[in-house]
Amino acid sequence: MASSERRVEGKVALISGAAQGVAGRLMGFGGASARLLASHGAAVVLGDIDEESGRLTAAQIAEDGGRALFVRLDVTREGDWEAAVRAAEERFGGLDVLVNSAGTTAPGTVSDTTLGDWNGQLDLHGKGVFLGIKHSVPAMRRRGGGSIVNMSSTDGMVGGGFSAAYSAAKGAMWLLSKTAAVQYAPEGIRVNSIHPGELDTPLARSAIDAARAGDPDFRDPRLDWIPLGRLGTAADVAHLVLYLASDESSYATGAEFVIDGGMMARGAPSQG
């Protein structure tokens, strides 16, 4: 790749939920984004609680000529965020990009959702993103600006039958993104949210497998909802992350970027 094509050359990115980026395996949003950002010249700090896969992903990025560091990051722990940001500054000299991509799900209606499931989803997708923004902004100020990308969902924008807690948490992330965008725009720090629809990722597969296990007649309906006729991939989302991390998106902040194959355009049910 020619240097002119390296769209985030010299930037430093911290990505939560980045362990699932091992070559040859199904990748998650964070892992695919880390790989793509590194291939375009960014130094990447991969944060996750899956240490084995996270270290392997970082090692593979380094083997391919990129700069990568794995840090253990439980996004619900403030001390882990402080340590991750500090590692980015000490190892690579600063922080320019934050990608909040850590995520799980908890299927269930409001009646079926336990308090533990509810708290877990709000902690991960709400508190975790809040802490990431809170502790990344001072480092970005020291660099004169930055870009924050929060991985929400189409289920955070419209009602979804899949998970009450997940939808509420992703909706909270969406509005937090807009609030932070307004607050930090004068300092050159941009904040945007991405809203994937139906994609083939480890998290999505686990949810479908759970539904299939409880219903012997289960039929995956997702392809019927998508005008483009295919499930998206983590790579599709990673290219959008690359755009938002780069200076090409310098006038984009407080926006939501839907990537769902046209599903919401025709008002189909969302499960993403």
Protein backbone atom coordinates (compact mmCIF):
# COMPACT_ATOMS: atom_id res chain seq x y z
CA MET A 1 0.00 0.00 0.00
CA ALA A 2 1.45 3.36 -1.01
CA SER A 3 1.95 5.95 1.70
CA SER A 4 -0.57 8.25 -0.01
CA GLU A 5 -3.23 5.61 0.66
CA ARG A 6 -2.52 5.37 4.38
CA ARG A 7 -5.51 7.37 5.54
CA VAL A 8 -4.72 7.53 9.29
CA GLU A 9 -0.94 7.72 9.12
CA GLY A 10 0.55 8.86 12.43
CA LYS A 11 -2.66 8.59 14.43
CA VAL A 12 -3.04 6.54 17.61
CA ALA A 13 -6.27 4.62 18.15
CA LEU A 14 -7.66 2.88 21.23
CA ILE A 15 -10.27 0.25 20.39
CA SER A 16 -12.33 -1.56 23.01
CA GLY A 17 -13.69 -5.02 22.26
CA ALA A 18 -10.83 -5.59 19.83
CA ALA A 19 -9.79 -9.16 20.63
CA GLN A 20 -11.78 -10.83 17.85
CA GLY A 21 -9.43 -9.93 15.04
CA VAL A 22 -7.48 -13.17 14.67
CA ALA A 23 -6.73 -14.08 11.06
CA GLY A 24 -8.71 -17.05 9.84
CA ARG A 25 -11.50 -16.61 12.38
CA LEU A 26 -14.80 -14.77 12.20
CA MET A 27 -13.99 -11.20 13.25
CA GLY A 28 -15.86 -8.70 15.38
CA PHE A 29 -16.15 -4.98 14.70
CA GLY A 30 -13.31 -4.03 17.03
CA GLY A 31 -10.83 -6.59 15.75
CA ALA A 32 -11.53 -5.85 12.10
CA SER A 33 -11.28 -2.11 12.78
CA ALA A 34 -7.96 -2.51 14.57
CA ARG A 35 -6.52 -4.42 11.64
CA LEU A 36 -7.75 -1.92 9.04
CA LEU A 37 -6.63 1.15 10.98
CA ALA A 38 -3.18 -0.39 11.47
CA SER A 39 -2.92 -1.17 7.75
CA HIS A 40 -3.58 2.52 7.08
CA GLY A 41 -0.79 3.74 9.34
CA ALA A 42 -2.34 4.08 12.79
CA ALA A 43 -0.79 2.70 15.95
CA VAL A 44 -3.51 0.67 17.64
CA VAL A 45 -4.13 -0.19 21.28
CA LEU A 46 -6.42 -3.20 21.49
CA GLY A 47 -8.49 -3.39 24.68
CA ASP A 48 -10.48 -6.45 25.71
CA ILE A 49 -11.04 -8.96 28.53
CA ASP A 50 -10.14 -11.83 26.17
CA GLU A 51 -6.41 -11.70 26.70
CA GLU A 52 -5.48 -14.73 24.59
CA SER A 53 -7.24 -13.59 21.41
CA GLY A 54 -6.34 -9.96 22.03
CA ARG A 55 -2.63 -10.66 22.33
CA LEU A 56 -2.73 -12.90 19.27
CA THR A 57 -4.51 -10.23 17.22
CA ALA A 58 -1.95 -7.61 18.28
CA ALA A 59 0.92 -9.97 17.48
CA GLN A 60 -0.46 -10.67 14.01
CA ILE A 61 -0.83 -6.96 13.32
CA ALA A 62 2.80 -6.46 14.34
CA GLU A 63 3.89 -9.37 12.13
CA ASP A 64 2.19 -7.63 9.21
CA GLY A 65 4.24 -4.50 9.86
CA GLY A 66 1.78 -2.57 11.99
CA ARG A 67 2.15 -1.06 15.44
CA ALA A 68 -0.08 -2.69 18.02
CA LEU A 69 -0.35 -3.15 21.77
CA PHE A 70 -2.85 -5.24 23.71
CA VAL A 71 -4.12 -4.06 27.11
CA ARG A 72 -6.62 -5.81 29.34
CA LEU A 73 -9.68 -3.57 29.40
CA ASP A 74 -12.90 -4.22 31.26
CA VAL A 75 -14.85 -1.21 30.02
CA THR A 76 -16.95 -1.06 33.19
CA ARG A 77 -13.84 -0.43 35.32
CA GLU A 78 -12.62 3.14 35.48
CA GLY A 79 -9.09 2.13 36.43
CA ASP A 80 -8.80 -0.03 33.31
CA TRP A 81 -9.70 2.95 31.12
CA GLU A 82 -7.16 5.16 32.88
CA ALA A 83 -4.49 2.52 32.33
CA ALA A 84 -5.42 2.00 28.66
CA VAL A 85 -5.23 5.70 27.82
CA ARG A 86 -1.97 5.99 29.72
CA ALA A 87 -0.56 3.03 27.76
CA ALA A 88 -1.48 4.71 24.46
CA GLU A 89 0.31 7.90 25.45
CA GLU A 90 3.38 6.19 26.92
CA ARG A 91 3.83 3.65 24.10
CA PHE A 92 2.78 5.67 21.07
CA GLY A 93 2.90 9.31 22.20
CA GLY A 94 -0.76 10.25 22.40
CA LEU A 95 -4.33 9.39 21.54
CA ASP A 96 -6.27 10.57 18.48
CA VAL A 97 -9.03 8.01 17.99
CA LEU A 98 -11.30 6.09 20.36
CA VAL A 99 -13.52 3.28 19.08
CA ASN A 100 -16.00 2.03 21.67
CA SER A 101 -16.77 -1.42 20.28
CA ALA A 102 -17.04 -3.73 23.30
CA GLY A 103 -20.39 -5.45 23.43
CA THR A 104 -22.56 -8.39 24.44
CA THR A 105 -26.29 -8.98 24.29
CA ALA A 106 -29.02 -10.33 26.56
CA PRO A 107 -32.07 -11.62 24.67
CA GLY A 108 -35.45 -11.11 26.29
CA THR A 109 -38.62 -9.08 26.53
CA VAL A 110 -39.06 -6.55 29.32
CA SER A 111 -40.90 -9.20 31.37
CA ASP A 112 -38.20 -11.80 30.75
CA THR A 113 -35.24 -9.52 31.46
CA THR A 114 -33.59 -10.02 34.84
CA LEU A 115 -32.22 -7.10 36.81
CA GLY A 116 -28.77 -8.59 36.30
CA ASP A 117 -29.22 -8.61 32.53
CA TRP A 118 -30.52 -5.05 32.56
CA ASN A 119 -27.66 -3.74 34.70
CA GLY A 120 -25.12 -5.69 32.66
CA GLN A 121 -26.21 -4.17 29.35
CA LEU A 122 -26.41 -0.62 30.71
CA ASP A 123 -23.04 -1.04 32.40
CA LEU A 124 -21.33 -2.29 29.26
CA HIS A 125 -22.91 -0.11 26.58
CA GLY A 126 -23.73 2.90 28.73
CA LYS A 127 -21.24 3.25 31.56
CA GLY A 128 -18.45 1.69 29.49
CA VAL A 129 -18.82 4.23 26.70
CA PHE A 130 -19.18 7.09 29.20
CA LEU A 131 -15.92 6.09 30.88
CA GLY A 132 -14.15 5.71 27.55
CA ILE A 133 -15.13 9.21 26.47
CA LYS A 134 -14.40 10.71 29.89
CA HIS A 135 -10.83 9.42 30.02
CA SER A 136 -9.96 9.80 26.33
CA VAL A 137 -10.96 13.45 25.98
CA PRO A 138 -8.09 14.85 28.10
CA ALA A 139 -5.57 12.88 26.02
CA MET A 140 -7.16 14.13 22.80
CA ARG A 141 -7.01 17.70 24.08
CA ARG A 142 -3.27 17.27 24.41
CA ARG A 143 -3.16 16.32 20.70
CA GLY A 144 -5.35 19.24 19.63
CA GLY A 145 -8.41 17.16 18.76
CA GLY A 146 -9.60 13.68 17.95
CA SER A 147 -12.36 11.37 16.80
CA ILE A 148 -14.59 9.16 18.95
CA VAL A 149 -16.62 6.40 17.29
CA ASN A 150 -19.31 4.63 19.32
CA MET A 151 -20.67 1.31 18.09
CA SER A 152 -24.42 1.49 18.66
CA SER A 153 -27.04 -0.51 16.71
CA THR A 154 -30.15 -0.15 14.60
CA ASP A 155 -31.90 -1.59 17.66
CA GLY A 156 -30.85 1.57 19.49
CA MET A 157 -32.87 3.66 17.04
CA VAL A 158 -36.11 1.73 16.58
CA GLY A 159 -38.06 -0.73 18.66
CA GLY A 160 -36.72 -4.27 18.45
CA GLY A 161 -38.28 -7.50 19.64
CA PHE A 162 -34.99 -9.20 20.41
CA SER A 163 -33.70 -7.60 23.61
CA ALA A 164 -35.19 -4.89 25.81
CA ALA A 165 -31.96 -4.29 27.73
CA TYR A 166 -29.72 -4.25 24.66
CA SER A 167 -31.98 -1.81 22.80
CA ALA A 168 -32.18 0.54 25.78
CA ALA A 169 -28.42 0.48 26.27
CA LYS A 170 -27.66 1.08 22.61
CA GLY A 171 -30.17 3.94 22.55
CA ALA A 172 -28.41 5.49 25.53
CA MET A 173 -25.13 5.26 23.66
CA TRP A 174 -26.65 7.05 20.67
CA LEU A 175 -27.81 10.05 22.69
CA LEU A 176 -24.60 10.16 24.73
CA SER A 177 -22.72 10.39 21.44
CA LYS A 178 -24.73 13.43 20.37
CA THR A 179 -24.32 15.13 23.74
CA ALA A 180 -20.56 14.58 23.77
CA ALA A 181 -20.35 15.81 20.17
CA VAL A 182 -21.92 19.14 21.12
CA GLN A 183 -19.83 19.50 24.25
CA TYR A 184 -16.43 18.82 22.66
CA ALA A 185 -16.85 20.20 19.14
CA PRO A 186 -15.22 23.55 20.10
CA GLU A 187 -12.08 21.59 21.01
CA GLY A 188 -11.87 19.75 17.71
CA ILE A 189 -13.04 16.44 19.18
CA ARG A 190 -15.65 14.77 17.02
CA VAL A 191 -18.10 12.11 18.26
CA ASN A 192 -20.23 9.93 16.00
CA SER A 193 -22.16 6.69 16.34
CA ILE A 194 -22.37 3.71 14.00
CA HIS A 195 -25.57 1.66 13.85
CA PRO A 196 -25.03 -1.77 12.30
CA GLY A 197 -27.98 -3.89 11.27
CA GLU A 198 -27.73 -7.59 10.50
CA LEU A 199 -24.11 -8.66 10.25
CA ASP A 200 -22.24 -11.93 10.49
CA THR A 201 -20.14 -11.47 13.61
CA PRO A 202 -19.38 -13.67 16.63
CA LEU A 203 -21.92 -11.76 18.75
CA ALA A 204 -24.67 -12.04 16.16
CA ARG A 205 -24.01 -15.73 15.63
CA SER A 206 -24.22 -16.38 19.37
CA ALA A 207 -27.63 -14.69 19.53
CA ILE A 208 -28.98 -16.64 16.56
CA ASP A 209 -27.61 -19.90 17.97
CA ALA A 210 -29.35 -19.17 21.27
CA ALA A 211 -32.68 -18.62 19.48
CA ARG A 212 -32.22 -21.77 17.42
CA ALA A 213 -31.44 -23.86 20.51
CA GLY A 214 -34.77 -22.95 22.07
CA ASP A 215 -36.86 -23.62 18.97
CA PRO A 216 -36.47 -26.78 16.86
CA ASP A 217 -38.46 -25.13 14.06
CA PHE A 218 -36.39 -21.95 14.09
CA ARG A 219 -35.70 -20.34 10.71
CA ASP A 220 -33.28 -17.45 10.51
CA PRO A 221 -35.37 -14.64 8.98
CA ARG A 222 -32.67 -12.03 8.57
CA LEU A 223 -32.05 -12.28 4.84
CA ASP A 224 -35.75 -11.63 4.23
CA TRP A 225 -35.37 -8.20 5.85
CA ILE A 226 -32.35 -6.89 3.90
CA PRO A 227 -32.83 -5.26 0.48
CA LEU A 228 -29.19 -5.92 -0.46
CA GLY A 229 -29.84 -9.62 0.14
CA ARG A 230 -26.83 -10.45 2.30
CA LEU A 231 -25.58 -10.16 5.84
CA GLY A 232 -22.97 -7.51 6.39
CA THR A 233 -19.49 -8.28 7.70
CA ALA A 234 -17.18 -6.79 10.28
CA ALA A 235 -15.06 -5.52 7.39
CA ASP A 236 -18.00 -3.47 6.10
CA VAL A 237 -18.20 -1.72 9.46
CA ALA A 238 -14.42 -1.36 9.76
CA HIS A 239 -14.29 0.71 6.57
CA LEU A 240 -16.82 3.10 8.06
CA VAL A 241 -14.71 3.30 11.23
CA LEU A 242 -11.69 4.13 9.07
CA TYR A 243 -13.57 7.01 7.44
CA LEU A 244 -14.66 8.44 10.79
CA ALA A 245 -11.17 8.05 12.25
CA SER A 246 -9.58 9.84 9.32
CA ASP A 247 -9.47 13.54 8.53
CA GLU A 248 -11.78 12.85 5.58
CA SER A 249 -14.68 13.08 8.05
CA SER A 250 -13.52 16.34 9.62
CA TYR A 251 -16.97 17.96 9.21
CA ALA A 252 -18.91 14.99 10.61
CA THR A 253 -19.86 15.07 14.27
CA GLY A 254 -22.97 14.28 16.27
CA ALA A 255 -24.18 12.06 13.43
CA GLU A 256 -25.44 8.50 13.27
CA PHE A 257 -24.23 6.26 10.46
CA VAL A 258 -26.58 3.40 9.67
CA ILE A 259 -25.02 0.39 7.94
CA ASP A 260 -27.72 -2.22 7.47
CA GLY A 261 -28.04 -3.16 3.80
CA GLY A 262 -31.14 -0.98 3.47
CA MET A 263 -33.15 -2.73 6.18
CA MET A 264 -34.37 0.37 7.99
CA ALA A 265 -35.12 2.14 4.71
CA ARG A 266 -38.03 -0.18 4.12
CA GLY A 267 -39.14 -0.34 7.74
CA ALA A 268 -38.29 -3.99 8.32
CA PRO A 269 -37.86 -5.37 11.84
CA SER A 270 -34.46 -4.68 13.38
CA GLN A 271 -32.53 -7.24 15.36
CA GLY A 272 -29.02 -5.75 15.00
